[in-house]
Amino acid sequence: MWSTNSQPRVNFCWGDCGKPYGLELSKDDELYIADADTGNIAVLDAKTGKKVTTLLGIGEPHGISIDPIGNLYAAMVDNQILLKLVPRK
């Protein structure tokens, strides 16, 4: 059974915040949160809850996924495309 009292709450909003539509956990324990209102994807350290970075202005991400090699895919409802973001080496 889940309890909000036993789990830490994390605020992923820094400034404007809208509707979180997708979550994905990477193999590096980074939590990706797609926000369809702001068009951003927030990246948090899953262990600490601290912000790592924000991917800004990519559209209206509703679903996100990370493949085994670290590519991030975002389903964009505003322009009906699947966006692929490749990590920097």
C-alpha atoms as a PDB file:
ATOM      1  CA  MET A   1       0.000   0.000   0.000  1.00  0.00           C
ATOM      2  CA  TRP A   2       1.230   3.505  -0.894  1.00  0.00           C
ATOM      3  CA  SER A   3       1.132   6.348   1.561  1.00  0.00           C
ATOM      4  CA  THR A   4       1.886   9.984   0.794  1.00  0.00           C
ATOM      5  CA  ASN A   5       3.010  10.366   4.410  1.00  0.00           C
ATOM      6  CA  SER A   6       5.858   7.867   4.061  1.00  0.00           C
ATOM      7  CA  GLN A   7       7.148   9.013   0.668  1.00  0.00           C
ATOM      8  CA  PRO A   8       8.915  12.367   0.182  1.00  0.00           C
ATOM      9  CA  ARG A   9       7.096  14.795  -2.057  1.00  0.00           C
ATOM     10  CA  VAL A  10       9.066  16.467  -4.806  1.00  0.00           C
ATOM     11  CA  ASN A  11       8.151  19.757  -6.440  1.00  0.00           C
ATOM     12  CA  PHE A  12       9.385  19.625 -10.015  1.00  0.00           C
ATOM     13  CA  CYS A  13       8.296  23.181 -10.831  1.00  0.00           C
ATOM     14  CA  TRP A  14      10.798  25.994 -11.059  1.00  0.00           C
ATOM     15  CA  GLY A  15       8.848  29.052 -12.169  1.00  0.00           C
ATOM     16  CA  ASP A  16       5.913  28.207 -14.420  1.00  0.00           C
ATOM     17  CA  CYS A  17       4.406  24.795 -14.062  1.00  0.00           C
ATOM     18  CA  GLY A  18       1.518  23.093 -15.751  1.00  0.00           C
ATOM     19  CA  LYS A  19       0.345  19.564 -16.316  1.00  0.00           C
ATOM     20  CA  PRO A  20       2.754  16.668 -15.840  1.00  0.00           C
ATOM     21  CA  TYR A  21       1.777  14.079 -18.446  1.00  0.00           C
ATOM     22  CA  GLY A  22       4.621  11.603 -18.440  1.00  0.00           C
ATOM     23  CA  LEU A  23       7.293  10.153 -16.184  1.00  0.00           C
ATOM     24  CA  GLU A  24      10.308   8.063 -17.046  1.00  0.00           C
ATOM     25  CA  LEU A  25      13.174   6.824 -14.889  1.00  0.00           C
ATOM     26  CA  SER A  26      16.571   6.442 -16.569  1.00  0.00           C
ATOM     27  CA  LYS A  27      19.152   3.790 -15.755  1.00  0.00           C
ATOM     28  CA  ASP A  28      21.177   6.629 -14.142  1.00  0.00           C
ATOM     29  CA  ASP A  29      18.362   7.256 -11.626  1.00  0.00           C
ATOM     30  CA  GLU A  30      17.226  10.465 -13.277  1.00  0.00           C
ATOM     31  CA  LEU A  31      13.480  11.100 -13.314  1.00  0.00           C
ATOM     32  CA  TYR A  32      12.167  12.780 -16.470  1.00  0.00           C
ATOM     33  CA  ILE A  33       8.857  14.630 -16.108  1.00  0.00           C
ATOM     34  CA  ALA A  34       7.030  15.824 -19.242  1.00  0.00           C
ATOM     35  CA  ASP A  35       4.990  19.000 -18.721  1.00  0.00           C
ATOM     36  CA  ALA A  36       2.506  19.555 -21.542  1.00  0.00           C
ATOM     37  CA  ASP A  37       1.541  23.089 -20.451  1.00  0.00           C
ATOM     38  CA  THR A  38       5.044  24.570 -20.391  1.00  0.00           C
ATOM     39  CA  GLY A  39       6.451  22.376 -23.163  1.00  0.00           C
ATOM     40  CA  ASN A  40       9.374  21.416 -20.943  1.00  0.00           C
ATOM     41  CA  ILE A  41      10.811  18.185 -19.609  1.00  0.00           C
ATOM     42  CA  ALA A  42      12.209  18.501 -16.091  1.00  0.00           C
ATOM     43  CA  VAL A  43      15.023  16.158 -15.086  1.00  0.00           C
ATOM     44  CA  LEU A  44      15.437  15.308 -11.388  1.00  0.00           C
ATOM     45  CA  ASP A  45      17.874  13.177  -9.449  1.00  0.00           C
ATOM     46  CA  ALA A  46      15.541  10.389  -8.345  1.00  0.00           C
ATOM     47  CA  LYS A  47      17.464   9.780  -5.128  1.00  0.00           C
ATOM     48  CA  THR A  48      17.640  13.383  -3.899  1.00  0.00           C
ATOM     49  CA  GLY A  49      14.734  15.039  -5.730  1.00  0.00           C
ATOM     50  CA  LYS A  50      17.033  17.861  -6.832  1.00  0.00           C
ATOM     51  CA  LYS A  51      16.794  19.367 -10.272  1.00  0.00           C
ATOM     52  CA  VAL A  52      19.449  18.220 -12.743  1.00  0.00           C
ATOM     53  CA  THR A  53      18.281  20.225 -15.768  1.00  0.00           C
ATOM     54  CA  THR A  54      15.254  21.268 -17.784  1.00  0.00           C
ATOM     55  CA  LEU A  55      14.777  20.604 -21.482  1.00  0.00           C
ATOM     56  CA  LEU A  56      13.000  23.770 -22.607  1.00  0.00           C
ATOM     57  CA  GLY A  57      10.359  24.517 -25.187  1.00  0.00           C
ATOM     58  CA  ILE A  58      10.124  21.262 -27.059  1.00  0.00           C
ATOM     59  CA  GLY A  59       6.354  21.362 -27.685  1.00  0.00           C
ATOM     60  CA  GLU A  60       3.618  19.578 -25.761  1.00  0.00           C
ATOM     61  CA  PRO A  61       5.147  16.320 -24.501  1.00  0.00           C
ATOM     62  CA  HIS A  62       2.509  13.877 -23.272  1.00  0.00           C
ATOM     63  CA  GLY A  63       4.415  10.619 -23.145  1.00  0.00           C
ATOM     64  CA  ILE A  64       8.125  10.020 -22.733  1.00  0.00           C
ATOM     65  CA  SER A  65      10.368   6.982 -22.814  1.00  0.00           C
ATOM     66  CA  ILE A  66      14.090   6.264 -22.611  1.00  0.00           C
ATOM     67  CA  ASP A  67      15.671   3.417 -24.569  1.00  0.00           C
ATOM     68  CA  PRO A  68      18.532   1.234 -23.240  1.00  0.00           C
ATOM     69  CA  ILE A  69      21.250   3.487 -24.708  1.00  0.00           C
ATOM     70  CA  GLY A  70      19.790   6.699 -23.263  1.00  0.00           C
ATOM     71  CA  ASN A  71      17.856   8.222 -26.156  1.00  0.00           C
ATOM     72  CA  LEU A  72      14.774  10.104 -24.945  1.00  0.00           C
ATOM     73  CA  TYR A  73      11.555   9.856 -26.959  1.00  0.00           C
ATOM     74  CA  ALA A  74       8.683  12.288 -26.462  1.00  0.00           C
ATOM     75  CA  ALA A  75       5.216  11.989 -28.007  1.00  0.00           C
ATOM     76  CA  MET A  76       4.215  15.503 -29.024  1.00  0.00           C
ATOM     77  CA  VAL A  77       0.471  16.104 -29.261  1.00  0.00           C
ATOM     78  CA  ASP A  78       0.672  19.665 -30.594  1.00  0.00           C
ATOM     79  CA  ASN A  79       2.294  18.681 -33.893  1.00  0.00           C
ATOM     80  CA  GLN A  80       1.673  14.913 -33.783  1.00  0.00           C
ATOM     81  CA  ILE A  81       5.283  13.767 -33.979  1.00  0.00           C
ATOM     82  CA  LEU A  82       7.595  11.528 -32.010  1.00  0.00           C
ATOM     83  CA  LEU A  83      10.653  13.521 -30.989  1.00  0.00           C
ATOM     84  CA  LYS A  84      13.975  11.754 -30.392  1.00  0.00           C
ATOM     85  CA  LEU A  85      16.579  13.459 -28.206  1.00  0.00           C
ATOM     86  CA  VAL A  86      20.069  11.953 -28.250  1.00  0.00           C
ATOM     87  CA  PRO A  87      22.301  12.452 -25.188  1.00  0.00           C
ATOM     88  CA  ARG A  88      25.540  14.387 -25.570  1.00  0.00           C
ATOM     89  CA  LYS A  89      28.687  12.316 -25.402  1.00  0.00           C
END
